[in-house]
Amino acid sequence: MHGSWKFYRKDGSLMRNGKFRLGKQIGIWTTYDRVGHPHKETDFGS
């Protein structure tokens, strides 16, 4: 995996987005609640 990715729940709502570099998560990843509001941010560094 490489580049920007978005992961969705079975109901179609956005669950998480962020970036991969050579298969590893990098930068800020944002997790969203079921109505689309940001719930949590995780920093994986660069």
PDB file of N, CA and C in Angstrom:
ATOM      1  N   MET A   1       0.847  -1.173   0.000  1.00  0.00           N
ATOM      2  CA  MET A   1       0.000   0.000   0.000  1.00  0.00           C
ATOM      3  C   MET A   1       0.895   1.239   0.000  1.00  0.00           C
ATOM      4  N   HIS A   2       0.475   2.219  -0.767  1.00  0.00           N
ATOM      5  CA  HIS A   2       1.268   3.440  -0.869  1.00  0.00           C
ATOM      6  C   HIS A   2       0.352   4.593  -1.290  1.00  0.00           C
ATOM      7  N   GLY A   3       0.504   5.739  -0.647  1.00  0.00           N
ATOM      8  CA  GLY A   3      -0.311   6.901  -0.977  1.00  0.00           C
ATOM      9  C   GLY A   3      -1.495   7.052  -0.049  1.00  0.00           C
ATOM     10  N   SER A   4      -2.424   7.906  -0.441  1.00  0.00           N
ATOM     11  CA  SER A   4      -3.612   8.209   0.367  1.00  0.00           C
ATOM     12  C   SER A   4      -4.618   7.068   0.299  1.00  0.00           C
ATOM     13  N   TRP A   5      -5.200   6.747   1.460  1.00  0.00           N
ATOM     14  CA  TRP A   5      -6.196   5.684   1.540  1.00  0.00           C
ATOM     15  C   TRP A   5      -7.373   6.147   2.375  1.00  0.00           C
ATOM     16  N   LYS A   6      -8.551   5.602   2.037  1.00  0.00           N
ATOM     17  CA  LYS A   6      -9.765   5.807   2.828  1.00  0.00           C
ATOM     18  C   LYS A   6     -10.379   4.443   3.090  1.00  0.00           C
ATOM     19  N   PHE A   7     -10.837   4.239   4.321  1.00  0.00           N
ATOM     20  CA  PHE A   7     -11.497   3.000   4.700  1.00  0.00           C
ATOM     21  C   PHE A   7     -12.933   3.328   5.082  1.00  0.00           C
ATOM     22  N   TYR A   8     -13.868   2.499   4.604  1.00  0.00           N
ATOM     23  CA  TYR A   8     -15.294   2.738   4.816  1.00  0.00           C
ATOM     24  C   TYR A   8     -15.915   1.594   5.603  1.00  0.00           C
ATOM     25  N   ARG A   9     -16.961   1.910   6.359  1.00  0.00           N
ATOM     26  CA  ARG A   9     -17.741   0.894   7.055  1.00  0.00           C
ATOM     27  C   ARG A   9     -18.668   0.192   6.060  1.00  0.00           C
ATOM     28  N   LYS A  10     -19.241  -0.912   6.485  1.00  0.00           N
ATOM     29  CA  LYS A  10     -20.175  -1.651   5.633  1.00  0.00           C
ATOM     30  C   LYS A  10     -21.371  -0.800   5.223  1.00  0.00           C
ATOM     31  N   ASP A  11     -21.746   0.190   6.074  1.00  0.00           N
ATOM     32  CA  ASP A  11     -22.889   1.044   5.736  1.00  0.00           C
ATOM     33  C   ASP A  11     -22.508   2.165   4.769  1.00  0.00           C
ATOM     34  N   GLY A  12     -21.214   2.224   4.377  1.00  0.00           N
ATOM     35  CA  GLY A  12     -20.762   3.214   3.406  1.00  0.00           C
ATOM     36  C   GLY A  12     -20.193   4.484   4.011  1.00  0.00           C
ATOM     37  N   SER A  13     -20.272   4.636   5.330  1.00  0.00           N
ATOM     38  CA  SER A  13     -19.732   5.843   5.963  1.00  0.00           C
ATOM     39  C   SER A  13     -18.207   5.741   6.083  1.00  0.00           C
ATOM     40  N   LEU A  14     -17.558   6.887   5.958  1.00  0.00           N
ATOM     41  CA  LEU A  14     -16.105   6.953   6.069  1.00  0.00           C
ATOM     42  C   LEU A  14     -15.684   6.631   7.492  1.00  0.00           C
ATOM     43  N   MET A  15     -14.766   5.682   7.633  1.00  0.00           N
ATOM     44  CA  MET A  15     -14.305   5.281   8.951  1.00  0.00           C
ATOM     45  C   MET A  15     -12.947   5.907   9.279  1.00  0.00           C
ATOM     46  N   ARG A  16     -12.009   5.909   8.308  1.00  0.00           N
ATOM     47  CA  ARG A  16     -10.647   6.372   8.590  1.00  0.00           C
ATOM     48  C   ARG A  16      -9.973   6.774   7.296  1.00  0.00           C
ATOM     49  N   ASN A  17      -9.099   7.759   7.374  1.00  0.00           N
ATOM     50  CA  ASN A  17      -8.288   8.086   6.214  1.00  0.00           C
ATOM     51  C   ASN A  17      -6.903   8.545   6.656  1.00  0.00           C
ATOM     52  N   GLY A  18      -5.946   8.369   5.741  1.00  0.00           N
ATOM     53  CA  GLY A  18      -4.564   8.739   6.003  1.00  0.00           C
ATOM     54  C   GLY A  18      -3.688   8.277   4.853  1.00  0.00           C
ATOM     55  N   LYS A  19      -2.382   8.214   5.098  1.00  0.00           N
ATOM     56  CA  LYS A  19      -1.432   7.853   4.049  1.00  0.00           C
ATOM     57  C   LYS A  19      -0.552   6.683   4.469  1.00  0.00           C
ATOM     58  N   PHE A  20      -0.156   5.928   3.455  1.00  0.00           N
ATOM     59  CA  PHE A  20       0.814   4.852   3.616  1.00  0.00           C
ATOM     60  C   PHE A  20       2.068   5.193   2.819  1.00  0.00           C
ATOM     61  N   ARG A  21       3.192   4.751   3.311  1.00  0.00           N
ATOM     62  CA  ARG A  21       4.436   4.789   2.546  1.00  0.00           C
ATOM     63  C   ARG A  21       5.053   3.403   2.655  1.00  0.00           C
ATOM     64  N   LEU A  22       5.137   2.744   1.510  1.00  0.00           N
ATOM     65  CA  LEU A  22       5.729   1.402   1.448  1.00  0.00           C
ATOM     66  C   LEU A  22       5.100   0.441   2.462  1.00  0.00           C
ATOM     67  N   GLY A  23       3.771   0.509   2.578  1.00  0.00           N
ATOM     68  CA  GLY A  23       3.027  -0.416   3.419  1.00  0.00           C
ATOM     69  C   GLY A  23       2.901  -0.027   4.880  1.00  0.00           C
ATOM     70  N   LYS A  24       3.465   1.113   5.277  1.00  0.00           N
ATOM     71  CA  LYS A  24       3.372   1.553   6.676  1.00  0.00           C
ATOM     72  C   LYS A  24       2.611   2.867   6.772  1.00  0.00           C
ATOM     73  N   GLN A  25       1.778   2.969   7.817  1.00  0.00           N
ATOM     74  CA  GLN A  25       1.019   4.203   8.035  1.00  0.00           C
ATOM     75  C   GLN A  25       1.980   5.330   8.396  1.00  0.00           C
ATOM     76  N   ILE A  26       1.733   6.510   7.794  1.00  0.00           N
ATOM     77  CA  ILE A  26       2.539   7.691   8.094  1.00  0.00           C
ATOM     78  C   ILE A  26       1.627   8.897   8.306  1.00  0.00           C
ATOM     79  N   GLY A  27       2.164   9.914   8.962  1.00  0.00           N
ATOM     80  CA  GLY A  27       1.425  11.159   9.125  1.00  0.00           C
ATOM     81  C   GLY A  27       0.220  11.023  10.031  1.00  0.00           C
ATOM     82  N   ILE A  28      -0.709  11.951   9.867  1.00  0.00           N
ATOM     83  CA  ILE A  28      -1.927  12.002  10.681  1.00  0.00           C
ATOM     84  C   ILE A  28      -3.007  11.138  10.039  1.00  0.00           C
ATOM     85  N   TRP A  29      -3.548  10.223  10.824  1.00  0.00           N
ATOM     86  CA  TRP A  29      -4.702   9.430  10.418  1.00  0.00           C
ATOM     87  C   TRP A  29      -5.897   9.908  11.229  1.00  0.00           C
ATOM     88  N   THR A  30      -7.022  10.114  10.549  1.00  0.00           N
ATOM     89  CA  THR A  30      -8.234  10.600  11.203  1.00  0.00           C
ATOM     90  C   THR A  30      -9.290   9.498  11.195  1.00  0.00           C
ATOM     91  N   THR A  31      -9.890   9.267  12.352  1.00  0.00           N
ATOM     92  CA  THR A  31     -10.999   8.324  12.498  1.00  0.00           C
ATOM     93  C   THR A  31     -12.276   9.138  12.673  1.00  0.00           C
ATOM     94  N   TYR A  32     -13.348   8.732  11.986  1.00  0.00           N
ATOM     95  CA  TYR A  32     -14.605   9.475  11.984  1.00  0.00           C
ATOM     96  C   TYR A  32     -15.715   8.678  12.653  1.00  0.00           C
ATOM     97  N   ASP A  33     -16.664   9.402  13.259  1.00  0.00           N
ATOM     98  CA  ASP A  33     -17.847   8.730  13.794  1.00  0.00           C
ATOM     99  C   ASP A  33     -18.796   8.417  12.634  1.00  0.00           C
ATOM    100  N   ARG A  34     -19.897   7.767  12.948  1.00  0.00           N
ATOM    101  CA  ARG A  34     -20.801   7.309  11.881  1.00  0.00           C
ATOM    102  C   ARG A  34     -21.498   8.421  11.110  1.00  0.00           C
ATOM    103  N   VAL A  35     -21.538   9.631  11.660  1.00  0.00           N
ATOM    104  CA  VAL A  35     -22.164  10.734  10.938  1.00  0.00           C
ATOM    105  C   VAL A  35     -21.143  11.605  10.206  1.00  0.00           C
ATOM    106  N   GLY A  36     -19.865  11.213  10.257  1.00  0.00           N
ATOM    107  CA  GLY A  36     -18.843  11.905   9.487  1.00  0.00           C
ATOM    108  C   GLY A  36     -18.017  12.943  10.220  1.00  0.00           C
ATOM    109  N   HIS A  37     -18.226  13.059  11.531  1.00  0.00           N
ATOM    110  CA  HIS A  37     -17.437  14.018  12.302  1.00  0.00           C
ATOM    111  C   HIS A  37     -16.119  13.386  12.753  1.00  0.00           C
ATOM    112  N   PRO A  38     -15.015  14.124  12.699  1.00  0.00           N
ATOM    113  CA  PRO A  38     -13.748  13.583  13.193  1.00  0.00           C
ATOM    114  C   PRO A  38     -13.874  13.191  14.664  1.00  0.00           C
ATOM    115  N   HIS A  39     -13.419  11.995  14.963  1.00  0.00           N
ATOM    116  CA  HIS A  39     -13.526  11.463  16.328  1.00  0.00           C
ATOM    117  C   HIS A  39     -12.159  11.413  16.996  1.00  0.00           C
ATOM    118  N   LYS A  40     -11.119  11.044  16.215  1.00  0.00           N
ATOM    119  CA  LYS A  40      -9.797  10.858  16.802  1.00  0.00           C
ATOM    120  C   LYS A  40      -8.744  11.073  15.715  1.00  0.00           C
ATOM    121  N   GLU A  41      -7.598  11.631  16.097  1.00  0.00           N
ATOM    122  CA  GLU A  41      -6.458  11.743  15.195  1.00  0.00           C
ATOM    123  C   GLU A  41      -5.273  11.036  15.821  1.00  0.00           C
ATOM    124  N   THR A  42      -4.567  10.266  14.999  1.00  0.00           N
ATOM    125  CA  THR A  42      -3.386   9.543  15.441  1.00  0.00           C
ATOM    126  C   THR A  42      -2.222   9.942  14.546  1.00  0.00           C
ATOM    127  N   ASP A  43      -1.102  10.297  15.161  1.00  0.00           N
ATOM    128  CA  ASP A  43       0.081  10.705  14.406  1.00  0.00           C
ATOM    129  C   ASP A  43       1.066   9.546  14.353  1.00  0.00           C
ATOM    130  N   PHE A  44       1.289   9.038  13.147  1.00  0.00           N
ATOM    131  CA  PHE A  44       2.226   7.938  12.932  1.00  0.00           C
ATOM    132  C   PHE A  44       3.614   8.427  12.548  1.00  0.00           C
ATOM    133  N   GLY A  45       3.840   9.740  12.544  1.00  0.00           N
ATOM    134  CA  GLY A  45       5.147  10.273  12.175  1.00  0.00           C
ATOM    135  C   GLY A  45       5.388  10.159  10.682  1.00  0.00           C
ATOM    136  N   SER A  46       6.638  10.370  10.285  1.00  0.00           N
ATOM    137  CA  SER A  46       6.932  10.342   8.845  1.00  0.00           C
ATOM    138  C   SER A  46       7.757   9.176   8.402  1.00  0.00           C
TER     139      SER A  46
END
